[in-house]
Amino acid sequence: MKPKTGIILMNIGTPKSPAPEDVGNYLNIFLMDKDVINLPFLLRWILVHLLIVPRRKHASAKKYQKIWLEQGSPL
Protein backbone atom coordinates (compact mmCIF):
# COMPACT_ATOMS: atom_id res chain seq x y z
CA MET A 1 0.00 0.00 0.00
CA LYS A 2 1.35 3.42 -1.00
CA PRO A 3 1.79 5.86 1.93
CA LYS A 4 -0.47 8.92 1.87
CA THR A 5 0.95 12.41 1.62
CA GLY A 6 -0.66 15.38 3.35
CA ILE A 7 -0.17 19.11 3.04
CA ILE A 8 -0.59 21.53 5.93
CA LEU A 9 -1.25 25.19 5.19
CA MET A 10 -0.77 27.62 8.04
CA ASN A 11 -0.05 31.27 8.72
CA ILE A 12 3.49 31.65 10.01
CA GLY A 13 3.21 35.29 10.95
CA THR A 14 3.88 38.59 9.26
CA PRO A 15 6.24 41.54 9.64
CA LYS A 16 5.25 44.52 11.83
CA SER A 17 5.18 46.74 8.74
CA PRO A 18 6.12 46.54 5.06
CA ALA A 19 9.33 48.50 5.73
CA PRO A 20 12.54 46.66 4.71
CA GLU A 21 13.90 46.63 8.28
CA ASP A 22 10.71 45.06 9.69
CA VAL A 23 10.58 42.55 6.84
CA GLY A 24 14.25 41.74 7.51
CA ASN A 25 13.55 41.20 11.22
CA TYR A 26 10.63 38.93 10.37
CA LEU A 27 12.74 36.92 7.91
CA ASN A 28 15.52 36.57 10.51
CA ILE A 29 13.15 35.18 13.13
CA PHE A 30 11.32 32.90 10.70
CA LEU A 31 14.35 31.54 8.85
CA MET A 32 16.44 30.97 11.99
CA ASP A 33 13.91 28.38 13.17
CA LYS A 34 15.67 25.01 12.94
CA ASP A 35 12.47 23.45 11.63
CA VAL A 36 12.45 25.87 8.68
CA ILE A 37 16.12 25.52 7.71
CA ASN A 38 17.44 22.27 9.10
CA LEU A 39 21.16 23.03 9.26
CA PRO A 40 23.57 23.37 12.18
CA PHE A 41 23.16 26.75 13.90
CA LEU A 42 26.36 28.36 12.57
CA LEU A 43 25.63 27.41 8.94
CA ARG A 44 22.01 28.51 9.29
CA TRP A 45 23.13 31.84 10.84
CA ILE A 46 25.56 32.54 7.98
CA LEU A 47 22.99 31.60 5.35
CA VAL A 48 20.20 33.70 6.89
CA HIS A 49 22.09 36.77 8.14
CA LEU A 50 24.73 37.13 5.45
CA LEU A 51 23.05 35.80 2.31
CA ILE A 52 19.27 35.53 2.38
CA VAL A 53 18.02 38.47 4.46
CA PRO A 54 20.32 41.18 3.03
CA ARG A 55 19.35 40.11 -0.50
CA ARG A 56 15.62 39.55 0.07
CA LYS A 57 14.40 42.14 2.59
CA HIS A 58 14.02 44.98 0.08
CA ALA A 59 12.39 42.89 -2.65
CA SER A 60 10.06 41.22 -0.14
CA ALA A 61 9.20 44.60 1.42
CA LYS A 62 8.10 45.90 -2.00
CA LYS A 63 5.78 42.91 -2.37
CA TYR A 64 4.34 43.44 1.12
CA GLN A 65 3.78 47.13 0.31
CA LYS A 66 1.58 46.13 -2.64
CA ILE A 67 -0.82 44.12 -0.45
CA TRP A 68 -0.56 45.99 2.90
CA LEU A 69 -3.85 47.41 4.19
CA GLU A 70 -4.47 50.47 6.33
CA GLN A 71 -5.31 48.11 9.22
CA GLY A 72 -2.09 46.14 8.71
CA SER A 73 -1.15 42.94 6.99
CA PRO A 74 -3.94 41.06 5.18
CA LEU A 75 -2.19 37.77 5.91
PDB file of N, CA and C in Angstrom:
ATOM      1  N   MET A   1       0.842  -1.177   0.000  1.00  0.00           N
ATOM      2  CA  MET A   1       0.000   0.000   0.000  1.00  0.00           C
ATOM      3  C   MET A   1       0.890   1.244   0.000  1.00  0.00           C
ATOM      4  N   LYS A   2       0.577   2.181  -0.879  1.00  0.00           N
ATOM      5  CA  LYS A   2       1.345   3.424  -1.000  1.00  0.00           C
ATOM      6  C   LYS A   2       1.017   4.361   0.166  1.00  0.00           C
ATOM      7  N   PRO A   3       2.068   4.931   0.834  1.00  0.00           N
ATOM      8  CA  PRO A   3       1.785   5.857   1.934  1.00  0.00           C
ATOM      9  C   PRO A   3       1.107   7.134   1.421  1.00  0.00           C
ATOM     10  N   LYS A   4       0.238   7.693   2.244  1.00  0.00           N
ATOM     11  CA  LYS A   4      -0.465   8.918   1.868  1.00  0.00           C
ATOM     12  C   LYS A   4       0.383  10.136   2.219  1.00  0.00           C
ATOM     13  N   THR A   5       0.249  11.154   1.401  1.00  0.00           N
ATOM     14  CA  THR A   5       0.946  12.413   1.625  1.00  0.00           C
ATOM     15  C   THR A   5      -0.075  13.483   1.962  1.00  0.00           C
ATOM     16  N   GLY A   6       0.225  14.290   2.960  1.00  0.00           N
ATOM     17  CA  GLY A   6      -0.665  15.382   3.346  1.00  0.00           C
ATOM     18  C   GLY A   6       0.053  16.714   3.240  1.00  0.00           C
ATOM     19  N   ILE A   7      -0.705  17.756   3.101  1.00  0.00           N
ATOM     20  CA  ILE A   7      -0.168  19.112   3.045  1.00  0.00           C
ATOM     21  C   ILE A   7      -0.851  19.930   4.128  1.00  0.00           C
ATOM     22  N   ILE A   8      -0.048  20.658   4.895  1.00  0.00           N
ATOM     23  CA  ILE A   8      -0.587  21.529   5.932  1.00  0.00           C
ATOM     24  C   ILE A   8      -0.327  22.971   5.520  1.00  0.00           C
ATOM     25  N   LEU A   9      -1.382  23.765   5.477  1.00  0.00           N
ATOM     26  CA  LEU A   9      -1.255  25.189   5.186  1.00  0.00           C
ATOM     27  C   LEU A   9      -1.509  25.950   6.478  1.00  0.00           C
ATOM     28  N   MET A  10      -0.588  26.859   6.811  1.00  0.00           N
ATOM     29  CA  MET A  10      -0.772  27.624   8.036  1.00  0.00           C
ATOM     30  C   MET A  10      -0.129  28.991   7.910  1.00  0.00           C
ATOM     31  N   ASN A  11      -0.619  29.922   8.697  1.00  0.00           N
ATOM     32  CA  ASN A  11      -0.054  31.265   8.723  1.00  0.00           C
ATOM     33  C   ASN A  11       1.134  31.254   9.672  1.00  0.00           C
ATOM     34  N   ILE A  12       2.270  31.679   9.198  1.00  0.00           N
ATOM     35  CA  ILE A  12       3.486  31.648  10.010  1.00  0.00           C
ATOM     36  C   ILE A  12       3.856  33.025  10.540  1.00  0.00           C
ATOM     37  N   GLY A  13       2.955  33.958  10.442  1.00  0.00           N
ATOM     38  CA  GLY A  13       3.208  35.295  10.948  1.00  0.00           C
ATOM     39  C   GLY A  13       3.389  36.293   9.824  1.00  0.00           C
ATOM     40  N   THR A  14       3.725  37.505  10.215  1.00  0.00           N
ATOM     41  CA  THR A  14       3.879  38.585   9.258  1.00  0.00           C
ATOM     42  C   THR A  14       4.771  39.653   9.876  1.00  0.00           C
ATOM     43  N   PRO A  15       5.423  40.462   9.075  1.00  0.00           N
ATOM     44  CA  PRO A  15       6.238  41.537   9.643  1.00  0.00           C
ATOM     45  C   PRO A  15       5.362  42.607  10.302  1.00  0.00           C
ATOM     46  N   LYS A  16       5.982  43.443  11.156  1.00  0.00           N
ATOM     47  CA  LYS A  16       5.250  44.524  11.827  1.00  0.00           C
ATOM     48  C   LYS A  16       4.767  45.574  10.837  1.00  0.00           C
ATOM     49  N   SER A  17       5.532  45.771   9.776  1.00  0.00           N
ATOM     50  CA  SER A  17       5.179  46.742   8.740  1.00  0.00           C
ATOM     51  C   SER A  17       5.840  46.285   7.436  1.00  0.00           C
ATOM     52  N   PRO A  18       5.483  46.924   6.329  1.00  0.00           N
ATOM     53  CA  PRO A  18       6.120  46.545   5.062  1.00  0.00           C
ATOM     54  C   PRO A  18       7.470  47.228   4.830  1.00  0.00           C
ATOM     55  N   ALA A  19       8.021  47.857   5.853  1.00  0.00           N
ATOM     56  CA  ALA A  19       9.335  48.501   5.725  1.00  0.00           C
ATOM     57  C   ALA A  19      10.428  47.434   5.643  1.00  0.00           C
ATOM     58  N   PRO A  20      11.479  47.666   4.863  1.00  0.00           N
ATOM     59  CA  PRO A  20      12.540  46.662   4.706  1.00  0.00           C
ATOM     60  C   PRO A  20      13.137  46.169   6.035  1.00  0.00           C
ATOM     61  N   GLU A  21      13.321  47.058   7.008  1.00  0.00           N
ATOM     62  CA  GLU A  21      13.903  46.628   8.285  1.00  0.00           C
ATOM     63  C   GLU A  21      12.968  45.675   9.028  1.00  0.00           C
ATOM     64  N   ASP A  22      11.663  45.962   9.030  1.00  0.00           N
ATOM     65  CA  ASP A  22      10.708  45.063   9.690  1.00  0.00           C
ATOM     66  C   ASP A  22      10.592  43.735   8.952  1.00  0.00           C
ATOM     67  N   VAL A  23      10.619  43.789   7.634  1.00  0.00           N
ATOM     68  CA  VAL A  23      10.583  42.549   6.845  1.00  0.00           C
ATOM     69  C   VAL A  23      11.855  41.746   7.115  1.00  0.00           C
ATOM     70  N   GLY A  24      12.996  42.420   7.194  1.00  0.00           N
ATOM     71  CA  GLY A  24      14.253  41.739   7.511  1.00  0.00           C
ATOM     72  C   GLY A  24      14.217  41.084   8.879  1.00  0.00           C
ATOM     73  N   ASN A  25      13.680  41.789   9.880  1.00  0.00           N
ATOM     74  CA  ASN A  25      13.553  41.199  11.224  1.00  0.00           C
ATOM     75  C   ASN A  25      12.662  39.962  11.199  1.00  0.00           C
ATOM     76  N   TYR A  26      11.538  40.066  10.491  1.00  0.00           N
ATOM     77  CA  TYR A  26      10.627  38.928  10.369  1.00  0.00           C
ATOM     78  C   TYR A  26      11.327  37.736   9.695  1.00  0.00           C
ATOM     79  N   LEU A  27      12.039  37.994   8.609  1.00  0.00           N
ATOM     80  CA  LEU A  27      12.743  36.916   7.910  1.00  0.00           C
ATOM     81  C   LEU A  27      13.805  36.279   8.806  1.00  0.00           C
ATOM     82  N   ASN A  28      14.523  37.108   9.575  1.00  0.00           N
ATOM     83  CA  ASN A  28      15.525  36.572  10.505  1.00  0.00           C
ATOM     84  C   ASN A  28      14.896  35.604  11.490  1.00  0.00           C
ATOM     85  N   ILE A  29      13.807  36.027  12.121  1.00  0.00           N
ATOM     86  CA  ILE A  29      13.151  35.178  13.126  1.00  0.00           C
ATOM     87  C   ILE A  29      12.618  33.907  12.479  1.00  0.00           C
ATOM     88  N   PHE A  30      11.926  34.052  11.373  1.00  0.00           N
ATOM     89  CA  PHE A  30      11.321  32.897  10.704  1.00  0.00           C
ATOM     90  C   PHE A  30      12.377  31.922  10.191  1.00  0.00           C
ATOM     91  N   LEU A  31      13.372  32.423   9.485  1.00  0.00           N
ATOM     92  CA  LEU A  31      14.349  31.541   8.854  1.00  0.00           C
ATOM     93  C   LEU A  31      15.357  30.941   9.830  1.00  0.00           C
ATOM     94  N   MET A  32      15.526  31.537  11.006  1.00  0.00           N
ATOM     95  CA  MET A  32      16.444  30.969  11.990  1.00  0.00           C
ATOM     96  C   MET A  32      15.816  29.799  12.753  1.00  0.00           C
ATOM     97  N   ASP A  33      14.557  29.539  12.540  1.00  0.00           N
ATOM     98  CA  ASP A  33      13.912  28.381  13.166  1.00  0.00           C
ATOM     99  C   ASP A  33      14.521  27.111  12.568  1.00  0.00           C
ATOM    100  N   LYS A  34      15.013  26.236  13.428  1.00  0.00           N
ATOM    101  CA  LYS A  34      15.674  25.015  12.944  1.00  0.00           C
ATOM    102  C   LYS A  34      14.729  24.098  12.183  1.00  0.00           C
ATOM    103  N   ASP A  35      13.422  24.266  12.385  1.00  0.00           N
ATOM    104  CA  ASP A  35      12.467  23.454  11.627  1.00  0.00           C
ATOM    105  C   ASP A  35      12.207  24.025  10.233  1.00  0.00           C
ATOM    106  N   VAL A  36      12.615  25.261   9.999  1.00  0.00           N
ATOM    107  CA  VAL A  36      12.449  25.871   8.682  1.00  0.00           C
ATOM    108  C   VAL A  36      13.678  25.595   7.826  1.00  0.00           C
ATOM    109  N   ILE A  37      14.856  25.856   8.386  1.00  0.00           N
ATOM    110  CA  ILE A  37      16.116  25.525   7.709  1.00  0.00           C
ATOM    111  C   ILE A  37      16.859  24.569   8.629  1.00  0.00           C
ATOM    112  N   ASN A  38      16.885  23.329   8.249  1.00  0.00           N
ATOM    113  CA  ASN A  38      17.439  22.271   9.095  1.00  0.00           C
ATOM    114  C   ASN A  38      18.937  22.109   8.833  1.00  0.00           C
ATOM    115  N   LEU A  39      19.703  23.064   9.354  1.00  0.00           N
ATOM    116  CA  LEU A  39      21.158  23.033   9.265  1.00  0.00           C
ATOM    117  C   LEU A  39      21.718  23.326  10.649  1.00  0.00           C
ATOM    118  N   PRO A  40      22.963  22.975  10.904  1.00  0.00           N
ATOM    119  CA  PRO A  40      23.568  23.369  12.176  1.00  0.00           C
ATOM    120  C   PRO A  40      23.486  24.896  12.340  1.00  0.00           C
ATOM    121  N   PHE A  41      23.399  25.347  13.599  1.00  0.00           N
ATOM    122  CA  PHE A  41      23.161  26.755  13.898  1.00  0.00           C
ATOM    123  C   PHE A  41      24.104  27.697  13.144  1.00  0.00           C
ATOM    124  N   LEU A  42      25.398  27.447  13.191  1.00  0.00           N
ATOM    125  CA  LEU A  42      26.356  28.359  12.569  1.00  0.00           C
ATOM    126  C   LEU A  42      26.135  28.468  11.063  1.00  0.00           C
ATOM    127  N   LEU A  43      25.903  27.365  10.391  1.00  0.00           N
ATOM    128  CA  LEU A  43      25.631  27.412   8.945  1.00  0.00           C
ATOM    129  C   LEU A  43      24.321  28.131   8.650  1.00  0.00           C
ATOM    130  N   ARG A  44      23.309  27.848   9.461  1.00  0.00           N
ATOM    131  CA  ARG A  44      22.011  28.512   9.293  1.00  0.00           C
ATOM    132  C   ARG A  44      22.165  30.024   9.513  1.00  0.00           C
ATOM    133  N   TRP A  45      22.930  30.427  10.539  1.00  0.00           N
ATOM    134  CA  TRP A  45      23.133  31.841  10.843  1.00  0.00           C
ATOM    135  C   TRP A  45      23.809  32.543   9.659  1.00  0.00           C
ATOM    136  N   ILE A  46      24.850  31.951   9.132  1.00  0.00           N
ATOM    137  CA  ILE A  46      25.562  32.542   7.983  1.00  0.00           C
ATOM    138  C   ILE A  46      24.630  32.657   6.783  1.00  0.00           C
ATOM    139  N   LEU A  47      23.911  31.604   6.486  1.00  0.00           N
ATOM    140  CA  LEU A  47      22.991  31.602   5.349  1.00  0.00           C
ATOM    141  C   LEU A  47      21.925  32.685   5.497  1.00  0.00           C
ATOM    142  N   VAL A  48      21.306  32.751   6.669  1.00  0.00           N
ATOM    143  CA  VAL A  48      20.202  33.696   6.888  1.00  0.00           C
ATOM    144  C   VAL A  48      20.704  35.135   6.972  1.00  0.00           C
ATOM    145  N   HIS A  49      21.681  35.393   7.849  1.00  0.00           N
ATOM    146  CA  HIS A  49      22.092  36.766   8.142  1.00  0.00           C
ATOM    147  C   HIS A  49      23.025  37.391   7.099  1.00  0.00           C
ATOM    148  N   LEU A  50      23.775  36.575   6.400  1.00  0.00           N
ATOM    149  CA  LEU A  50      24.732  37.131   5.445  1.00  0.00           C
ATOM    150  C   LEU A  50      24.309  36.979   3.987  1.00  0.00           C
ATOM    151  N   LEU A  51      23.443  36.029   3.713  1.00  0.00           N
ATOM    152  CA  LEU A  51      23.054  35.804   2.314  1.00  0.00           C
ATOM    153  C   LEU A  51      21.586  36.105   2.035  1.00  0.00           C
ATOM    154  N   ILE A  52      20.687  35.432   2.726  1.00  0.00           N
ATOM    155  CA  ILE A  52      19.266  35.533   2.375  1.00  0.00           C
ATOM    156  C   ILE A  52      18.669  36.892   2.737  1.00  0.00           C
ATOM    157  N   VAL A  53      18.717  37.253   4.016  1.00  0.00           N
ATOM    158  CA  VAL A  53      18.021  38.470   4.457  1.00  0.00           C
ATOM    159  C   VAL A  53      18.550  39.735   3.776  1.00  0.00           C
ATOM    160  N   PRO A  54      19.863  39.960   3.715  1.00  0.00           N
ATOM    161  CA  PRO A  54      20.316  41.178   3.033  1.00  0.00           C
ATOM    162  C   PRO A  54      19.872  41.251   1.566  1.00  0.00           C
ATOM    163  N   ARG A  55      19.736  40.131   0.921  1.00  0.00           N
ATOM    164  CA  ARG A  55      19.348  40.114  -0.498  1.00  0.00           C
ATOM    165  C   ARG A  55      17.839  40.173  -0.700  1.00  0.00           C
ATOM    166  N   ARG A  56      17.062  39.689   0.282  1.00  0.00           N
ATOM    167  CA  ARG A  56      15.623  39.550   0.075  1.00  0.00           C
ATOM    168  C   ARG A  56      14.766  40.593   0.779  1.00  0.00           C
ATOM    169  N   LYS A  57      15.283  41.274   1.802  1.00  0.00           N
ATOM    170  CA  LYS A  57      14.403  42.136   2.591  1.00  0.00           C
ATOM    171  C   LYS A  57      13.808  43.288   1.784  1.00  0.00           C
ATOM    172  N   HIS A  58      14.556  43.867   0.867  1.00  0.00           N
ATOM    173  CA  HIS A  58      14.018  44.982   0.079  1.00  0.00           C
ATOM    174  C   HIS A  58      13.010  44.498  -0.961  1.00  0.00           C
ATOM    175  N   ALA A  59      13.322  43.421  -1.640  1.00  0.00           N
ATOM    176  CA  ALA A  59      12.392  42.891  -2.646  1.00  0.00           C
ATOM    177  C   ALA A  59      11.110  42.388  -1.984  1.00  0.00           C
ATOM    178  N   SER A  60      11.249  41.709  -0.854  1.00  0.00           N
ATOM    179  CA  SER A  60      10.063  41.217  -0.143  1.00  0.00           C
ATOM    180  C   SER A  60       9.244  42.380   0.412  1.00  0.00           C
ATOM    181  N   ALA A  61       9.909  43.430   0.898  1.00  0.00           N
ATOM    182  CA  ALA A  61       9.199  44.602   1.418  1.00  0.00           C
ATOM    183  C   ALA A  61       8.349  45.242   0.323  1.00  0.00           C
ATOM    184  N   LYS A  62       8.873  45.324  -0.890  1.00  0.00           N
ATOM    185  CA  LYS A  62       8.101  45.898  -2.004  1.00  0.00           C
ATOM    186  C   LYS A  62       6.840  45.083  -2.274  1.00  0.00           C
ATOM    187  N   LYS A  63       6.952  43.770  -2.162  1.00  0.00           N
ATOM    188  CA  LYS A  63       5.778  42.911  -2.370  1.00  0.00           C
ATOM    189  C   LYS A  63       4.768  43.080  -1.247  1.00  0.00           C
ATOM    190  N   TYR A  64       5.252  43.186   0.002  1.00  0.00           N
ATOM    191  CA  TYR A  64       4.342  43.437   1.122  1.00  0.00           C
ATOM    192  C   TYR A  64       3.648  44.787   0.954  1.00  0.00           C
ATOM    193  N   GLN A  65       4.356  45.803   0.479  1.00  0.00           N
ATOM    194  CA  GLN A  65       3.775  47.134   0.306  1.00  0.00           C
ATOM    195  C   GLN A  65       2.615  47.110  -0.681  1.00  0.00           C
ATOM    196  N   LYS A  66       2.659  46.216  -1.644  1.00  0.00           N
ATOM    197  CA  LYS A  66       1.584  46.126  -2.640  1.00  0.00           C
ATOM    198  C   LYS A  66       0.286  45.575  -2.045  1.00  0.00           C
ATOM    199  N   ILE A  67       0.393  44.754  -1.000  1.00  0.00           N
ATOM    200  CA  ILE A  67      -0.816  44.118  -0.452  1.00  0.00           C
ATOM    201  C   ILE A  67      -1.196  44.648   0.925  1.00  0.00           C
ATOM    202  N   TRP A  68      -0.340  45.504   1.528  1.00  0.00           N
ATOM    203  CA  TRP A  68      -0.555  45.988   2.897  1.00  0.00           C
ATOM    204  C   TRP A  68      -1.808  46.848   2.962  1.00  0.00           C
ATOM    205  N   LEU A  69      -2.626  46.648   3.994  1.00  0.00           N
ATOM    206  CA  LEU A  69      -3.854  47.407   4.190  1.00  0.00           C
ATOM    207  C   LEU A  69      -3.643  48.484   5.248  1.00  0.00           C
ATOM    208  N   GLU A  70      -4.533  49.425   5.310  1.00  0.00           N
ATOM    209  CA  GLU A  70      -4.467  50.473   6.334  1.00  0.00           C
ATOM    210  C   GLU A  70      -4.481  49.859   7.734  1.00  0.00           C
ATOM    211  N   GLN A  71      -5.200  48.772   7.912  1.00  0.00           N
ATOM    212  CA  GLN A  71      -5.310  48.106   9.216  1.00  0.00           C
ATOM    213  C   GLN A  71      -4.100  47.219   9.502  1.00  0.00           C
ATOM    214  N   GLY A  72      -3.254  47.004   8.533  1.00  0.00           N
ATOM    215  CA  GLY A  72      -2.087  46.137   8.710  1.00  0.00           C
ATOM    216  C   GLY A  72      -2.039  45.073   7.636  1.00  0.00           C
ATOM    217  N   SER A  73      -1.331  44.018   7.950  1.00  0.00           N
ATOM    218  CA  SER A  73      -1.153  42.939   6.987  1.00  0.00           C
ATOM    219  C   SER A  73      -2.452  42.185   6.733  1.00  0.00           C
ATOM    220  N   PRO A  74      -2.751  41.862   5.476  1.00  0.00           N
ATOM    221  CA  PRO A  74      -3.941  41.062   5.177  1.00  0.00           C
ATOM    222  C   PRO A  74      -3.711  39.568   5.414  1.00  0.00           C
ATOM    223  N   LEU A  75      -2.491  39.195   5.744  1.00  0.00           N
ATOM    224  CA  LEU A  75      -2.189  37.774   5.911  1.00  0.00           C
ATOM    225  C   LEU A  75      -2.522  37.272   7.284  1.00  0.00           C
TER     226      LEU A  75
END
